[in-house]
PDB file of N, CA and C in Angstrom:
ATOM      1  N   MET A   1     -83.539  77.959-131.282  1.00  0.00           N
ATOM      2  CA  MET A   1     -83.282  76.580-130.911  1.00  0.00           C
ATOM      3  C   MET A   1     -84.015  75.673-131.894  1.00  0.00           C
ATOM      4  N   THR A   2     -83.342  74.646-132.320  1.00  0.00           N
ATOM      5  CA  THR A   2     -83.939  73.630-133.179  1.00  0.00           C
ATOM      6  C   THR A   2     -84.070  72.361-132.358  1.00  0.00           C
ATOM      7  N   SER A   3     -85.267  71.780-132.363  1.00  0.00           N
ATOM      8  CA  SER A   3     -85.473  70.550-131.593  1.00  0.00           C
ATOM      9  C   SER A   3     -86.085  69.478-132.482  1.00  0.00           C
ATOM     10  N   ARG A   4     -86.000  68.255-131.985  1.00  0.00           N
ATOM     11  CA  ARG A   4     -86.528  67.098-132.700  1.00  0.00           C
ATOM     12  C   ARG A   4     -87.326  66.266-131.713  1.00  0.00           C
ATOM     13  N   ILE A   5     -88.461  65.750-132.152  1.00  0.00           N
ATOM     14  CA  ILE A   5     -89.230  64.835-131.313  1.00  0.00           C
ATOM     15  C   ILE A   5     -88.496  63.500-131.337  1.00  0.00           C
ATOM     16  N   THR A   6     -88.060  63.060-130.159  1.00  0.00           N
ATOM     17  CA  THR A   6     -87.241  61.857-130.059  1.00  0.00           C
ATOM     18  C   THR A   6     -88.004  60.666-129.486  1.00  0.00           C
ATOM     19  N   GLU A   7     -89.148  60.931-128.865  1.00  0.00           N
ATOM     20  CA  GLU A   7     -89.981  59.855-128.331  1.00  0.00           C
ATOM     21  C   GLU A   7     -91.436  60.250-128.527  1.00  0.00           C
ATOM     22  N   LEU A   8     -92.268  59.257-128.842  1.00  0.00           N
ATOM     23  CA  LEU A   8     -93.693  59.510-129.022  1.00  0.00           C
ATOM     24  C   LEU A   8     -94.483  58.311-128.540  1.00  0.00           C
ATOM     25  N   ASP A   9     -95.358  58.553-127.595  1.00  0.00           N
ATOM     26  CA  ASP A   9     -96.276  57.538-127.093  1.00  0.00           C
ATOM     27  C   ASP A   9     -97.666  58.170-127.130  1.00  0.00           C
ATOM     28  N   ARG A  10     -98.197  58.272-128.316  1.00  0.00           N
ATOM     29  CA  ARG A  10     -99.472  58.936-128.547  1.00  0.00           C
ATOM     30  C   ARG A  10    -100.600  58.151-127.916  1.00  0.00           C
ATOM     31  N   PRO A  11    -101.469  58.727-127.189  1.00  0.00           N
ATOM     32  CA  PRO A  11    -101.680  60.134-126.863  1.00  0.00           C
ATOM     33  C   PRO A  11    -101.170  60.501-125.473  1.00  0.00           C
ATOM     34  N   ASN A  12    -100.259  59.717-124.910  1.00  0.00           N
ATOM     35  CA  ASN A  12     -99.847  59.905-123.520  1.00  0.00           C
ATOM     36  C   ASN A  12     -98.688  60.867-123.299  1.00  0.00           C
ATOM     37  N   ARG A  13     -97.726  60.857-124.221  1.00  0.00           N
ATOM     38  CA  ARG A  13     -96.548  61.688-123.993  1.00  0.00           C
ATOM     39  C   ARG A  13     -95.715  61.800-125.254  1.00  0.00           C
ATOM     40  N   PHE A  14     -94.882  62.844-125.270  1.00  0.00           N
ATOM     41  CA  PHE A  14     -93.822  62.934-126.275  1.00  0.00           C
ATOM     42  C   PHE A  14     -92.674  63.741-125.691  1.00  0.00           C
ATOM     43  N   VAL A  15     -91.504  63.563-126.293  1.00  0.00           N
ATOM     44  CA  VAL A  15     -90.289  64.224-125.831  1.00  0.00           C
ATOM     45  C   VAL A  15     -89.659  64.937-127.020  1.00  0.00           C
ATOM     46  N   ASP A  16     -89.273  66.198-126.790  1.00  0.00           N
ATOM     47  CA  ASP A  16     -88.467  66.870-127.801  1.00  0.00           C
ATOM     48  C   ASP A  16     -87.131  67.251-127.172  1.00  0.00           C
ATOM     49  N   GLU A  17     -86.086  67.171-127.997  1.00  0.00           N
ATOM     50  CA  GLU A  17     -84.736  67.459-127.530  1.00  0.00           C
ATOM     51  C   GLU A  17     -84.045  68.413-128.494  1.00  0.00           C
ATOM     52  N   GLN A  18     -83.216  69.280-127.931  1.00  0.00           N
ATOM     53  CA  GLN A  18     -82.468  70.240-128.737  1.00  0.00           C
ATOM     54  C   GLN A  18     -81.502  69.517-129.661  1.00  0.00           C
ATOM     55  N   VAL A  19     -81.535  69.913-130.923  1.00  0.00           N
ATOM     56  CA  VAL A  19     -80.566  69.442-131.907  1.00  0.00           C
ATOM     57  C   VAL A  19     -79.474  70.501-132.080  1.00  0.00           C
ATOM     58  N   ARG A  20     -79.909  71.769-132.154  1.00  0.00           N
ATOM     59  CA  ARG A  20     -79.007  72.920-132.221  1.00  0.00           C
ATOM     60  C   ARG A  20     -79.587  74.015-131.356  1.00  0.00           C
ATOM     61  N   GLY A  21     -78.729  74.725-130.666  1.00  0.00           N
ATOM     62  CA  GLY A  21     -79.225  75.837-129.870  1.00  0.00           C
ATOM     63  C   GLY A  21     -78.293  76.230-128.753  1.00  0.00           C
ATOM     64  N   PRO A  22     -78.808  77.041-127.835  1.00  0.00           N
ATOM     65  CA  PRO A  22     -77.958  77.648-126.817  1.00  0.00           C
ATOM     66  C   PRO A  22     -77.577  76.743-125.652  1.00  0.00           C
ATOM     67  N   PHE A  23     -78.258  75.616-125.485  1.00  0.00           N
ATOM     68  CA  PHE A  23     -77.997  74.760-124.330  1.00  0.00           C
ATOM     69  C   PHE A  23     -77.001  73.670-124.670  1.00  0.00           C
ATOM     70  N   ARG A  24     -76.268  73.217-123.659  1.00  0.00           N
ATOM     71  CA  ARG A  24     -75.404  72.051-123.855  1.00  0.00           C
ATOM     72  C   ARG A  24     -76.284  70.830-124.052  1.00  0.00           C
ATOM     73  N   ARG A  25     -77.412  70.791-123.301  1.00  0.00           N
ATOM     74  CA  ARG A  25     -78.377  69.686-123.391  1.00  0.00           C
ATOM     75  C   ARG A  25     -79.737  70.245-122.991  1.00  0.00           C
ATOM     76  N   PHE A  26     -80.789  69.880-123.749  1.00  0.00           N
ATOM     77  CA  PHE A  26     -82.141  70.339-123.432  1.00  0.00           C
ATOM     78  C   PHE A  26     -83.127  69.245-123.831  1.00  0.00           C
ATOM     79  N   ARG A  27     -83.870  68.749-122.847  1.00  0.00           N
ATOM     80  CA  ARG A  27     -84.863  67.690-123.069  1.00  0.00           C
ATOM     81  C   ARG A  27     -86.174  68.140-122.437  1.00  0.00           C
ATOM     82  N   HIS A  28     -87.264  68.083-123.204  1.00  0.00           N
ATOM     83  CA  HIS A  28     -88.573  68.548-122.745  1.00  0.00           C
ATOM     84  C   HIS A  28     -89.583  67.417-122.938  1.00  0.00           C
ATOM     85  N   GLU A  29     -90.070  66.907-121.828  1.00  0.00           N
ATOM     86  CA  GLU A  29     -91.054  65.819-121.865  1.00  0.00           C
ATOM     87  C   GLU A  29     -92.439  66.407-121.614  1.00  0.00           C
ATOM     88  N   HIS A  30     -93.400  66.049-122.472  1.00  0.00           N
ATOM     89  CA  HIS A  30     -94.781  66.499-122.371  1.00  0.00           C
ATOM     90  C   HIS A  30     -95.629  65.276-121.997  1.00  0.00           C
ATOM     91  N   LEU A  31     -96.272  65.328-120.853  1.00  0.00           N
ATOM     92  CA  LEU A  31     -97.128  64.228-120.406  1.00  0.00           C
ATOM     93  C   LEU A  31     -98.573  64.691-120.398  1.00  0.00           C
ATOM     94  N   PHE A  32     -99.477  63.797-120.771  1.00  0.00           N
ATOM     95  CA  PHE A  32    -100.903  64.113-120.774  1.00  0.00           C
ATOM     96  C   PHE A  32    -101.618  63.063-119.940  1.00  0.00           C
ATOM     97  N   GLU A  33    -102.321  63.524-118.909  1.00  0.00           N
ATOM     98  CA  GLU A  33    -103.081  62.624-118.039  1.00  0.00           C
ATOM     99  C   GLU A  33    -104.548  63.013-118.113  1.00  0.00           C
ATOM    100  N   TRP A  34    -105.396  62.004-118.223  1.00  0.00           N
ATOM    101  CA  TRP A  34    -106.832  62.248-118.317  1.00  0.00           C
ATOM    102  C   TRP A  34    -107.471  62.082-116.954  1.00  0.00           C
ATOM    103  N   HIS A  35    -108.270  63.067-116.573  1.00  0.00           N
ATOM    104  CA  HIS A  35    -109.002  63.066-115.312  1.00  0.00           C
ATOM    105  C   HIS A  35    -110.451  63.397-115.633  1.00  0.00           C
ATOM    106  N   GLU A  36    -111.289  62.367-115.643  1.00  0.00           N
ATOM    107  CA  GLU A  36    -112.702  62.510-116.003  1.00  0.00           C
ATOM    108  C   GLU A  36    -112.811  63.176-117.371  1.00  0.00           C
ATOM    109  N   ALA A  37    -113.344  64.391-117.444  1.00  0.00           N
ATOM    110  CA  ALA A  37    -113.526  65.050-118.744  1.00  0.00           C
ATOM    111  C   ALA A  37    -112.417  66.051-119.052  1.00  0.00           C
ATOM    112  N   ASN A  38    -111.352  66.048-118.279  1.00  0.00           N
ATOM    113  CA  ASN A  38    -110.285  67.030-118.448  1.00  0.00           C
ATOM    114  C   ASN A  38    -108.947  66.364-118.728  1.00  0.00           C
ATOM    115  N   THR A  39    -108.064  67.120-119.334  1.00  0.00           N
ATOM    116  CA  THR A  39    -106.702  66.662-119.593  1.00  0.00           C
ATOM    117  C   THR A  39    -105.737  67.536-118.809  1.00  0.00           C
ATOM    118  N   LEU A  40    -104.822  66.900-118.099  1.00  0.00           N
ATOM    119  CA  LEU A  40    -103.767  67.595-117.373  1.00  0.00           C
ATOM    120  C   LEU A  40    -102.489  67.459-118.188  1.00  0.00           C
ATOM    121  N   MET A  41    -101.879  68.595-118.532  1.00  0.00           N
ATOM    122  CA  MET A  41    -100.627  68.580-119.274  1.00  0.00           C
ATOM    123  C   MET A  41     -99.494  68.875-118.305  1.00  0.00           C
ATOM    124  N   ILE A  42     -98.498  68.008-118.279  1.00  0.00           N
ATOM    125  CA  ILE A  42     -97.352  68.146-117.380  1.00  0.00           C
ATOM    126  C   ILE A  42     -96.103  68.289-118.239  1.00  0.00           C
ATOM    127  N   ASP A  43     -95.298  69.298-117.933  1.00  0.00           N
ATOM    128  CA  ASP A  43     -94.043  69.513-118.640  1.00  0.00           C
ATOM    129  C   ASP A  43     -92.894  69.197-117.699  1.00  0.00           C
ATOM    130  N   ARG A  44     -91.936  68.431-118.195  1.00  0.00           N
ATOM    131  CA  ARG A  44     -90.710  68.152-117.445  1.00  0.00           C
ATOM    132  C   ARG A  44     -89.530  68.600-118.288  1.00  0.00           C
ATOM    133  N   LEU A  45     -88.716  69.467-117.715  1.00  0.00           N
ATOM    134  CA  LEU A  45     -87.537  69.969-118.409  1.00  0.00           C
ATOM    135  C   LEU A  45     -86.281  69.424-117.757  1.00  0.00           C
ATOM    136  N   ASP A  46     -85.333  69.065-118.579  1.00  0.00           N
ATOM    137  CA  ASP A  46     -84.028  68.638-118.116  1.00  0.00           C
ATOM    138  C   ASP A  46     -83.016  69.298-119.050  1.00  0.00           C
ATOM    139  N   PHE A  47     -82.170  70.159-118.501  1.00  0.00           N
ATOM    140  CA  PHE A  47     -81.261  70.904-119.359  1.00  0.00           C
ATOM    141  C   PHE A  47     -79.964  71.226-118.633  1.00  0.00           C
ATOM    142  N   ASP A  48     -78.943  71.505-119.424  1.00  0.00           N
ATOM    143  CA  ASP A  48     -77.668  71.995-118.924  1.00  0.00           C
ATOM    144  C   ASP A  48     -77.302  73.226-119.738  1.00  0.00           C
ATOM    145  N   ALA A  49     -76.953  74.291-119.037  1.00  0.00           N
ATOM    146  CA  ALA A  49     -76.493  75.505-119.707  1.00  0.00           C
ATOM    147  C   ALA A  49     -75.055  75.300-120.173  1.00  0.00           C
ATOM    148  N   PRO A  50     -74.652  76.049-121.192  1.00  0.00           N
ATOM    149  CA  PRO A  50     -73.255  75.960-121.636  1.00  0.00           C
ATOM    150  C   PRO A  50     -72.334  76.733-120.691  1.00  0.00           C
ATOM    151  N   VAL A  51     -71.062  76.702-120.929  1.00  0.00           N
ATOM    152  CA  VAL A  51     -70.032  77.505-120.277  1.00  0.00           C
ATOM    153  C   VAL A  51     -69.688  77.036-118.867  1.00  0.00           C
ATOM    154  N   GLY A  52     -69.691  75.754-118.609  1.00  0.00           N
ATOM    155  CA  GLY A  52     -69.191  75.193-117.354  1.00  0.00           C
ATOM    156  C   GLY A  52     -69.756  75.804-116.091  1.00  0.00           C
ATOM    157  N   PRO A  53     -68.893  76.103-115.098  1.00  0.00           N
ATOM    158  CA  PRO A  53     -69.360  76.607-113.796  1.00  0.00           C
ATOM    159  C   PRO A  53     -70.164  77.903-113.898  1.00  0.00           C
ATOM    160  N   LEU A  54     -69.747  78.810-114.776  1.00  0.00           N
ATOM    161  CA  LEU A  54     -70.497  80.053-114.956  1.00  0.00           C
ATOM    162  C   LEU A  54     -71.898  79.753-115.486  1.00  0.00           C
ATOM    163  N   GLY A  55     -71.998  78.829-116.423  1.00  0.00           N
ATOM    164  CA  GLY A  55     -73.292  78.428-116.968  1.00  0.00           C
ATOM    165  C   GLY A  55     -74.184  77.819-115.906  1.00  0.00           C
ATOM    166  N   ARG A  56     -73.622  77.028-115.006  1.00  0.00           N
ATOM    167  CA  ARG A  56     -74.419  76.425-113.933  1.00  0.00           C
ATOM    168  C   ARG A  56     -74.947  77.491-112.986  1.00  0.00           C
ATOM    169  N   LEU A  57     -74.161  78.529-112.732  1.00  0.00           N
ATOM    170  CA  LEU A  57     -74.621  79.632-111.889  1.00  0.00           C
ATOM    171  C   LEU A  57     -75.771  80.377-112.568  1.00  0.00           C
ATOM    172  N   VAL A  58     -75.616  80.695-113.844  1.00  0.00           N
ATOM    173  CA  VAL A  58     -76.682  81.364-114.603  1.00  0.00           C
ATOM    174  C   VAL A  58     -77.924  80.481-114.644  1.00  0.00           C
ATOM    175  N   GLU A  59     -77.713  79.183-114.821  1.00  0.00           N
ATOM    176  CA  GLU A  59     -78.817  78.222-114.857  1.00  0.00           C
ATOM    177  C   GLU A  59     -79.625  78.296-113.566  1.00  0.00           C
ATOM    178  N   ARG A  60     -78.951  78.285-112.437  1.00  0.00           N
ATOM    179  CA  ARG A  60     -79.651  78.303-111.146  1.00  0.00           C
ATOM    180  C   ARG A  60     -80.332  79.633-110.884  1.00  0.00           C
ATOM    181  N   VAL A  61     -79.659  80.720-111.218  1.00  0.00           N
ATOM    182  CA  VAL A  61     -80.157  82.044-110.866  1.00  0.00           C
ATOM    183  C   VAL A  61     -81.213  82.547-111.858  1.00  0.00           C
ATOM    184  N   LEU A  62     -81.001  82.345-113.148  1.00  0.00           N
ATOM    185  CA  LEU A  62     -81.878  82.954-114.148  1.00  0.00           C
ATOM    186  C   LEU A  62     -82.673  81.973-115.006  1.00  0.00           C
ATOM    187  N   LEU A  63     -81.988  81.014-115.591  1.00  0.00           N
ATOM    188  CA  LEU A  63     -82.631  80.150-116.578  1.00  0.00           C
ATOM    189  C   LEU A  63     -83.790  79.344-116.017  1.00  0.00           C
ATOM    190  N   GLU A  64     -83.628  78.786-114.834  1.00  0.00           N
ATOM    191  CA  GLU A  64     -84.674  77.948-114.257  1.00  0.00           C
ATOM    192  C   GLU A  64     -85.973  78.736-114.120  1.00  0.00           C
ATOM    193  N   ARG A  65     -85.887  79.936-113.583  1.00  0.00           N
ATOM    194  CA  ARG A  65     -87.070  80.789-113.393  1.00  0.00           C
ATOM    195  C   ARG A  65     -87.648  81.209-114.749  1.00  0.00           C
ATOM    196  N   TYR A  66     -86.784  81.605-115.684  1.00  0.00           N
ATOM    197  CA  TYR A  66     -87.225  82.026-117.019  1.00  0.00           C
ATOM    198  C   TYR A  66     -87.963  80.893-117.731  1.00  0.00           C
ATOM    199  N   LEU A  67     -87.381  79.701-117.718  1.00  0.00           N
ATOM    200  CA  LEU A  67     -88.000  78.572-118.413  1.00  0.00           C
ATOM    201  C   LEU A  67     -89.318  78.161-117.755  1.00  0.00           C
ATOM    202  N   ARG A  68     -89.388  78.218-116.442  1.00  0.00           N
ATOM    203  CA  ARG A  68     -90.642  77.894-115.745  1.00  0.00           C
ATOM    204  C   ARG A  68     -91.746  78.861-116.190  1.00  0.00           C
ATOM    205  N   LYS A  69     -91.420  80.158-116.233  1.00  0.00           N
ATOM    206  CA  LYS A  69     -92.405  81.161-116.650  1.00  0.00           C
ATOM    207  C   LYS A  69     -92.806  80.942-118.106  1.00  0.00           C
ATOM    208  N   LEU A  70     -91.843  80.663-118.972  1.00  0.00           N
ATOM    209  CA  LEU A  70     -92.121  80.418-120.386  1.00  0.00           C
ATOM    210  C   LEU A  70     -93.066  79.234-120.563  1.00  0.00           C
ATOM    211  N   ILE A  71     -92.802  78.134-119.865  1.00  0.00           N
ATOM    212  CA  ILE A  71     -93.643  76.942-119.976  1.00  0.00           C
ATOM    213  C   ILE A  71     -95.048  77.220-119.432  1.00  0.00           C
ATOM    214  N   GLU A  72     -95.149  77.954-118.333  1.00  0.00           N
ATOM    215  CA  GLU A  72     -96.468  78.283-117.778  1.00  0.00           C
ATOM    216  C   GLU A  72     -97.269  79.154-118.742  1.00  0.00           C
ATOM    217  N   GLU A  73     -96.632  80.149-119.348  1.00  0.00           N
ATOM    218  CA  GLU A  73     -97.322  81.009-120.304  1.00  0.00           C
ATOM    219  C   GLU A  73     -97.744  80.225-121.539  1.00  0.00           C
ATOM    220  N   ARG A  74     -96.888  79.357-122.003  1.00  0.00           N
ATOM    221  CA  ARG A  74     -97.206  78.524-123.163  1.00  0.00           C
ATOM    222  C   ARG A  74     -98.377  77.597-122.848  1.00  0.00           C
ATOM    223  N   GLY A  75     -98.375  77.027-121.643  1.00  0.00           N
ATOM    224  CA  GLY A  75     -99.471  76.159-121.228  1.00  0.00           C
ATOM    225  C   GLY A  75    -100.796  76.903-121.157  1.00  0.00           C
ATOM    226  N   SER A  76    -100.769  78.118-120.647  1.00  0.00           N
ATOM    227  CA  SER A  76    -101.989  78.934-120.581  1.00  0.00           C
ATOM    228  C   SER A  76    -102.507  79.254-121.977  1.00  0.00           C
ATOM    229  N   PHE A  77    -101.601  79.566-122.893  1.00  0.00           N
ATOM    230  CA  PHE A  77    -101.985  79.844-124.270  1.00  0.00           C
ATOM    231  C   PHE A  77    -102.625  78.613-124.912  1.00  0.00           C
ATOM    232  N   LEU A  78    -101.976  77.455-124.752  1.00  0.00           N
ATOM    233  CA  LEU A  78    -102.518  76.224-125.332  1.00  0.00           C
ATOM    234  C   LEU A  78    -103.869  75.866-124.733  1.00  0.00           C
ATOM    235  N   LYS A  79    -104.031  76.065-123.439  1.00  0.00           N
ATOM    236  CA  LYS A  79    -105.305  75.793-122.764  1.00  0.00           C
ATOM    237  C   LYS A  79    -106.405  76.668-123.338  1.00  0.00           C
ATOM    238  N   ALA A  80    -106.129  77.965-123.498  1.00  0.00           N
ATOM    239  CA  ALA A  80    -107.119  78.888-124.041  1.00  0.00           C
ATOM    240  C   ALA A  80    -107.511  78.487-125.458  1.00  0.00           C
ATOM    241  N   LYS A  81    -106.544  78.121-126.275  1.00  0.00           N
ATOM    242  CA  LYS A  81    -106.826  77.697-127.655  1.00  0.00           C
ATOM    243  C   LYS A  81    -107.651  76.412-127.678  1.00  0.00           C
ATOM    244  N   ALA A  82    -107.279  75.467-126.824  1.00  0.00           N
ATOM    245  CA  ALA A  82    -107.985  74.175-126.807  1.00  0.00           C
ATOM    246  C   ALA A  82    -109.429  74.313-126.324  1.00  0.00           C
ATOM    247  N   GLU A  83    -109.661  75.269-125.430  1.00  0.00           N
ATOM    248  CA  GLU A  83    -110.995  75.436-124.850  1.00  0.00           C
ATOM    249  C   GLU A  83    -111.861  76.431-125.612  1.00  0.00           C
ATOM    250  N   ALA A  84    -111.272  77.129-126.596  1.00  0.00           N
ATOM    251  CA  ALA A  84    -112.031  78.130-127.368  1.00  0.00           C
ATOM    252  C   ALA A  84    -113.145  77.429-128.159  1.00  0.00           C
ATOM    253  N   ARG A  85    -114.295  78.034-128.111  1.00  0.00           N
ATOM    254  CA  ARG A  85    -115.436  77.493-128.865  1.00  0.00           C
ATOM    255  C   ARG A  85    -115.705  78.433-130.027  1.00  0.00           C
ATOM    256  N   GLU A  86    -115.178  78.066-131.173  1.00  0.00           N
ATOM    257  CA  GLU A  86    -115.325  78.933-132.354  1.00  0.00           C
ATOM    258  C   GLU A  86    -116.357  78.379-133.279  1.00  0.00           C
TER     259      GLU A  86
END
């Protein structure tokens, strides 16, 4: 998948959207909220699978769960990197 950053409000949020790839539409919003000495990262996904009704069924049954897990794993990785004291 190829994406492009389409919105940037540094340091609060940015949005990337699919330019080419498997989805009919894919928009990923990254929000950053500060709470005392910590940063909370919030991901919002908005997407449509290809292939009409069949794609919507796959989206509900498989893609939603897969993407949620992918984003959670990515968030854990980024958290570990950001908190590493090297």
